[in-house]
C-alpha atoms as a PDB file:
ATOM      1  CA  MET A   1     -27.695 130.244 -20.175  1.00  0.00           C
ATOM      2  CA  GLN A   2     -26.391 130.127 -16.532  1.00  0.00           C
ATOM      3  CA  PRO A   3     -22.445 130.236 -16.149  1.00  0.00           C
ATOM      4  CA  HIS A   4     -22.554 126.602 -14.697  1.00  0.00           C
ATOM      5  CA  GLU A   5     -24.470 125.446 -17.748  1.00  0.00           C
ATOM      6  CA  ILE A   6     -21.839 127.133 -20.093  1.00  0.00           C
ATOM      7  CA  GLN A   7     -19.020 125.347 -18.116  1.00  0.00           C
ATOM      8  CA  ILE A   8     -20.751 122.098 -18.460  1.00  0.00           C
ATOM      9  CA  ILE A   9     -21.245 122.405 -22.202  1.00  0.00           C
ATOM     10  CA  ARG A  10     -17.704 123.783 -22.736  1.00  0.00           C
ATOM     11  CA  LEU A  11     -16.403 120.616 -20.849  1.00  0.00           C
ATOM     12  CA  SER A  12     -18.784 118.332 -22.631  1.00  0.00           C
ATOM     13  CA  LEU A  13     -17.600 119.696 -26.091  1.00  0.00           C
ATOM     14  CA  LEU A  14     -14.043 118.913 -25.001  1.00  0.00           C
ATOM     15  CA  ARG A  15     -14.876 115.300 -24.008  1.00  0.00           C
ATOM     16  CA  HIS A  16     -16.755 114.676 -27.131  1.00  0.00           C
ATOM     17  CA  LEU A  17     -13.906 115.918 -29.379  1.00  0.00           C
ATOM     18  CA  ASP A  18     -11.276 114.040 -27.271  1.00  0.00           C
ATOM     19  CA  ALA A  19     -13.385 110.963 -27.633  1.00  0.00           C
ATOM     20  CA  ASN A  20     -13.530 111.296 -31.496  1.00  0.00           C
ATOM     21  CA  GLY A  21      -9.689 111.289 -31.885  1.00  0.00           C
ATOM     22  CA  THR A  22      -9.343 111.971 -35.468  1.00  0.00           C
ATOM     23  CA  ARG A  23      -7.890 114.833 -37.325  1.00  0.00           C
ATOM     24  CA  TYR A  24     -11.165 115.123 -39.230  1.00  0.00           C
ATOM     25  CA  GLY A  25     -12.914 116.610 -36.403  1.00  0.00           C
ATOM     26  CA  LEU A  26     -16.804 116.476 -35.645  1.00  0.00           C
ATOM     27  CA  ALA A  27     -19.417 118.579 -37.428  1.00  0.00           C
ATOM     28  CA  THR A  28     -21.048 121.460 -35.315  1.00  0.00           C
ATOM     29  CA  GLY A  29     -24.428 119.781 -35.997  1.00  0.00           C
ATOM     30  CA  LEU A  30     -23.414 116.395 -34.578  1.00  0.00           C
ATOM     31  CA  LEU A  31     -22.098 118.388 -31.367  1.00  0.00           C
ATOM     32  CA  ARG A  32     -25.227 120.213 -30.897  1.00  0.00           C
ATOM     33  CA  CYS A  33     -27.084 116.956 -30.833  1.00  0.00           C
ATOM     34  CA  TRP A  34     -24.792 115.529 -28.396  1.00  0.00           C
ATOM     35  CA  ILE A  35     -25.482 118.663 -26.097  1.00  0.00           C
ATOM     36  CA  ALA A  36     -29.167 118.334 -26.639  1.00  0.00           C
ATOM     37  CA  ALA A  37     -28.942 114.581 -25.668  1.00  0.00           C
ATOM     38  CA  GLU A  38     -27.288 115.741 -22.562  1.00  0.00           C
ATOM     39  CA  GLY A  39     -30.258 117.972 -21.562  1.00  0.00           C
ATOM     40  CA  PHE A  40     -29.215 121.487 -22.884  1.00  0.00           C
ATOM     41  CA  LYS A  41     -31.043 123.440 -25.492  1.00  0.00           C
ATOM     42  CA  VAL A  42     -28.561 125.282 -27.482  1.00  0.00           C
ATOM     43  CA  SER A  43     -28.926 127.422 -30.328  1.00  0.00           C
ATOM     44  CA  ASP A  44     -26.492 127.162 -33.458  1.00  0.00           C
ATOM     45  CA  ALA A  45     -25.426 130.828 -32.711  1.00  0.00           C
ATOM     46  CA  ASP A  46     -24.703 129.864 -28.947  1.00  0.00           C
ATOM     47  CA  LEU A  47     -23.037 126.596 -29.898  1.00  0.00           C
ATOM     48  CA  GLU A  48     -20.708 128.538 -32.317  1.00  0.00           C
ATOM     49  CA  LYS A  49     -20.041 131.011 -29.698  1.00  0.00           C
ATOM     50  CA  GLU A  50     -18.767 128.728 -27.279  1.00  0.00           C
ATOM     51  CA  LEU A  51     -16.735 126.612 -29.832  1.00  0.00           C
ATOM     52  CA  ALA A  52     -15.186 130.183 -30.756  1.00  0.00           C
ATOM     53  CA  TYR A  53     -14.483 130.796 -27.062  1.00  0.00           C
ATOM     54  CA  LEU A  54     -12.638 127.261 -26.840  1.00  0.00           C
ATOM     55  CA  ALA A  55     -10.681 127.922 -30.111  1.00  0.00           C
ATOM     56  CA  ASP A  56      -9.668 131.479 -28.768  1.00  0.00           C
ATOM     57  CA  LYS A  57      -8.245 129.534 -25.684  1.00  0.00           C
ATOM     58  CA  LYS A  58      -6.490 127.153 -28.205  1.00  0.00           C
ATOM     59  CA  LEU A  59      -8.525 124.049 -26.639  1.00  0.00           C
ATOM     60  CA  VAL A  60     -10.089 123.361 -30.022  1.00  0.00           C
ATOM     61  CA  GLU A  61      -9.653 124.183 -33.688  1.00  0.00           C
ATOM     62  CA  ASP A  62     -11.583 124.580 -36.826  1.00  0.00           C
ATOM     63  CA  VAL A  63     -10.768 121.728 -39.269  1.00  0.00           C
ATOM     64  CA  ASN A  64      -9.888 123.267 -42.397  1.00  0.00           C
ATOM     65  CA  LYS A  65     -12.212 121.259 -44.923  1.00  0.00           C
ATOM     66  CA  LYS A  66     -11.746 121.556 -48.688  1.00  0.00           C
ATOM     67  CA  ILE A  67     -14.969 120.062 -49.453  1.00  0.00           C
ATOM     68  CA  SER A  68     -18.254 121.653 -47.859  1.00  0.00           C
ATOM     69  CA  PRO A  69     -16.287 124.201 -45.800  1.00  0.00           C
ATOM     70  CA  GLU A  70     -19.433 125.864 -44.678  1.00  0.00           C
ATOM     71  CA  LEU A  71     -20.305 122.614 -42.805  1.00  0.00           C
ATOM     72  CA  ARG A  72     -17.792 123.387 -40.093  1.00  0.00           C
ATOM     73  CA  ALA A  73     -15.960 120.700 -38.098  1.00  0.00           C
ATOM     74  CA  TRP A  74     -13.944 120.783 -35.039  1.00  0.00           C
ATOM     75  CA  ARG A  75     -11.188 118.897 -33.430  1.00  0.00           C
ATOM     76  CA  ILE A  76      -9.524 119.117 -30.130  1.00  0.00           C
ATOM     77  CA  THR A  77      -5.865 120.340 -29.578  1.00  0.00           C
ATOM     78  CA  ALA A  78      -3.186 119.005 -27.441  1.00  0.00           C
ATOM     79  CA  ASP A  79      -3.805 121.764 -25.221  1.00  0.00           C
ATOM     80  CA  GLY A  80      -7.424 120.814 -24.967  1.00  0.00           C
ATOM     81  CA  ARG A  81      -6.309 117.118 -24.071  1.00  0.00           C
ATOM     82  CA  ASP A  82      -3.878 118.635 -21.333  1.00  0.00           C
ATOM     83  CA  GLU A  83      -6.877 120.661 -19.896  1.00  0.00           C
ATOM     84  CA  LEU A  84      -9.020 117.538 -19.844  1.00  0.00           C
ATOM     85  CA  ALA A  85      -6.212 115.562 -18.186  1.00  0.00           C
ATOM     86  CA  LYS A  86      -5.934 118.288 -15.445  1.00  0.00           C
ATOM     87  CA  LEU A  87      -9.570 117.874 -14.413  1.00  0.00           C
ATOM     88  CA  SER A  88      -9.448 114.047 -14.364  1.00  0.00           C
END
């Protein structure tokens, strides 16, 4: 992926997670489907890498699921919402 594509994907992930607005988060697979619908072919490994990057920046967090924790889900943090607000 090119740097500008990575930036678009990261911002898209933040927008989707913000629109979800729930503490339960969104599944990684669903996020991948939405990114693909926007025209980006992203592997599971690449998507996890970008979500890990956003988590390292404290913009998103992994939801601590008790049932089926292997099916990861993500939610936006307050810092992530603030970052999106700066871009609006």
